[in-house]
Amino acid sequence: MPNVSLKVKRAYFAKVKQANYAASLRLEGMDTTTTSRPLSSKAAVLEKYRQN
């Protein structure tokens, strides 16, 4: 069995943790499709509300 670096282990754990969290939300009936899009930057949000 090849040695796996700590960085690879952490990346795998993060991926599995996110997948499990998304599955848990789906089981609770929540829509997870909107959580996968990137969030806006603080500057973009401030600019949007300053225009109004």
C-alpha atoms as a PDB file:
ATOM      1  CA  MET A   1       0.000   0.000   0.000  1.00  0.00           C
ATOM      2  CA  PRO A   2       1.509   3.357  -1.009  1.00  0.00           C
ATOM      3  CA  ASN A   3       2.076   6.068   1.564  1.00  0.00           C
ATOM      4  CA  VAL A   4      -0.473   8.848   1.303  1.00  0.00           C
ATOM      5  CA  SER A   5       0.519  12.362   2.240  1.00  0.00           C
ATOM      6  CA  LEU A   6      -1.297  14.334   4.908  1.00  0.00           C
ATOM      7  CA  LYS A   7      -2.360  16.894   2.293  1.00  0.00           C
ATOM      8  CA  VAL A   8      -4.112  14.204   0.230  1.00  0.00           C
ATOM      9  CA  LYS A   9      -5.793  12.797   3.342  1.00  0.00           C
ATOM     10  CA  ARG A  10      -7.083  16.232   4.347  1.00  0.00           C
ATOM     11  CA  ALA A  11      -8.420  16.914   0.845  1.00  0.00           C
ATOM     12  CA  TYR A  12     -10.204  13.567   0.798  1.00  0.00           C
ATOM     13  CA  PHE A  13     -11.697  14.141   4.240  1.00  0.00           C
ATOM     14  CA  ALA A  14     -12.932  17.617   3.245  1.00  0.00           C
ATOM     15  CA  LYS A  15     -14.565  16.222   0.093  1.00  0.00           C
ATOM     16  CA  VAL A  16     -16.287  13.403   1.986  1.00  0.00           C
ATOM     17  CA  LYS A  17     -17.388  15.753   4.765  1.00  0.00           C
ATOM     18  CA  GLN A  18     -19.001  18.121   2.235  1.00  0.00           C
ATOM     19  CA  ALA A  19     -20.718  15.248   0.429  1.00  0.00           C
ATOM     20  CA  ASN A  20     -22.093  13.894   3.711  1.00  0.00           C
ATOM     21  CA  TYR A  21     -23.350  17.344   4.725  1.00  0.00           C
ATOM     22  CA  ALA A  22     -25.113  17.797   1.379  1.00  0.00           C
ATOM     23  CA  ALA A  23     -26.685  14.333   1.690  1.00  0.00           C
ATOM     24  CA  SER A  24     -27.874  15.186   5.196  1.00  0.00           C
ATOM     25  CA  LEU A  25     -29.506  18.378   3.941  1.00  0.00           C
ATOM     26  CA  ARG A  26     -31.239  16.467   1.138  1.00  0.00           C
ATOM     27  CA  LEU A  27     -32.574  13.941   3.664  1.00  0.00           C
ATOM     28  CA  GLU A  28     -34.018  16.814   5.682  1.00  0.00           C
ATOM     29  CA  GLY A  29     -35.783  18.079   2.549  1.00  0.00           C
ATOM     30  CA  MET A  30     -33.640  21.137   1.923  1.00  0.00           C
ATOM     31  CA  ASP A  31     -32.633  22.207  -1.585  1.00  0.00           C
ATOM     32  CA  THR A  32     -28.856  21.938  -1.961  1.00  0.00           C
ATOM     33  CA  THR A  33     -28.589  23.198  -5.538  1.00  0.00           C
ATOM     34  CA  THR A  34     -28.286  26.859  -4.445  1.00  0.00           C
ATOM     35  CA  THR A  35     -25.476  26.182  -1.960  1.00  0.00           C
ATOM     36  CA  SER A  36     -23.040  25.040  -4.640  1.00  0.00           C
ATOM     37  CA  ARG A  37     -22.764  28.382  -6.432  1.00  0.00           C
ATOM     38  CA  PRO A  38     -19.952  30.744  -5.412  1.00  0.00           C
ATOM     39  CA  LEU A  39     -20.814  33.580  -3.049  1.00  0.00           C
ATOM     40  CA  SER A  40     -20.532  37.210  -4.102  1.00  0.00           C
ATOM     41  CA  SER A  41     -17.676  39.289  -2.817  1.00  0.00           C
ATOM     42  CA  LYS A  42     -18.295  41.902  -0.166  1.00  0.00           C
ATOM     43  CA  ALA A  43     -17.476  44.679  -2.620  1.00  0.00           C
ATOM     44  CA  ALA A  44     -20.019  43.376  -5.162  1.00  0.00           C
ATOM     45  CA  VAL A  45     -22.769  43.238  -2.543  1.00  0.00           C
ATOM     46  CA  LEU A  46     -22.018  46.761  -1.303  1.00  0.00           C
ATOM     47  CA  GLU A  47     -22.014  48.112  -4.866  1.00  0.00           C
ATOM     48  CA  LYS A  48     -25.375  46.508  -5.599  1.00  0.00           C
ATOM     49  CA  TYR A  49     -27.058  48.103  -2.585  1.00  0.00           C
ATOM     50  CA  ARG A  50     -25.398  51.477  -3.075  1.00  0.00           C
ATOM     51  CA  GLN A  51     -27.044  51.779  -6.497  1.00  0.00           C
ATOM     52  CA  ASN A  52     -30.564  51.709  -4.959  1.00  0.00           C
END
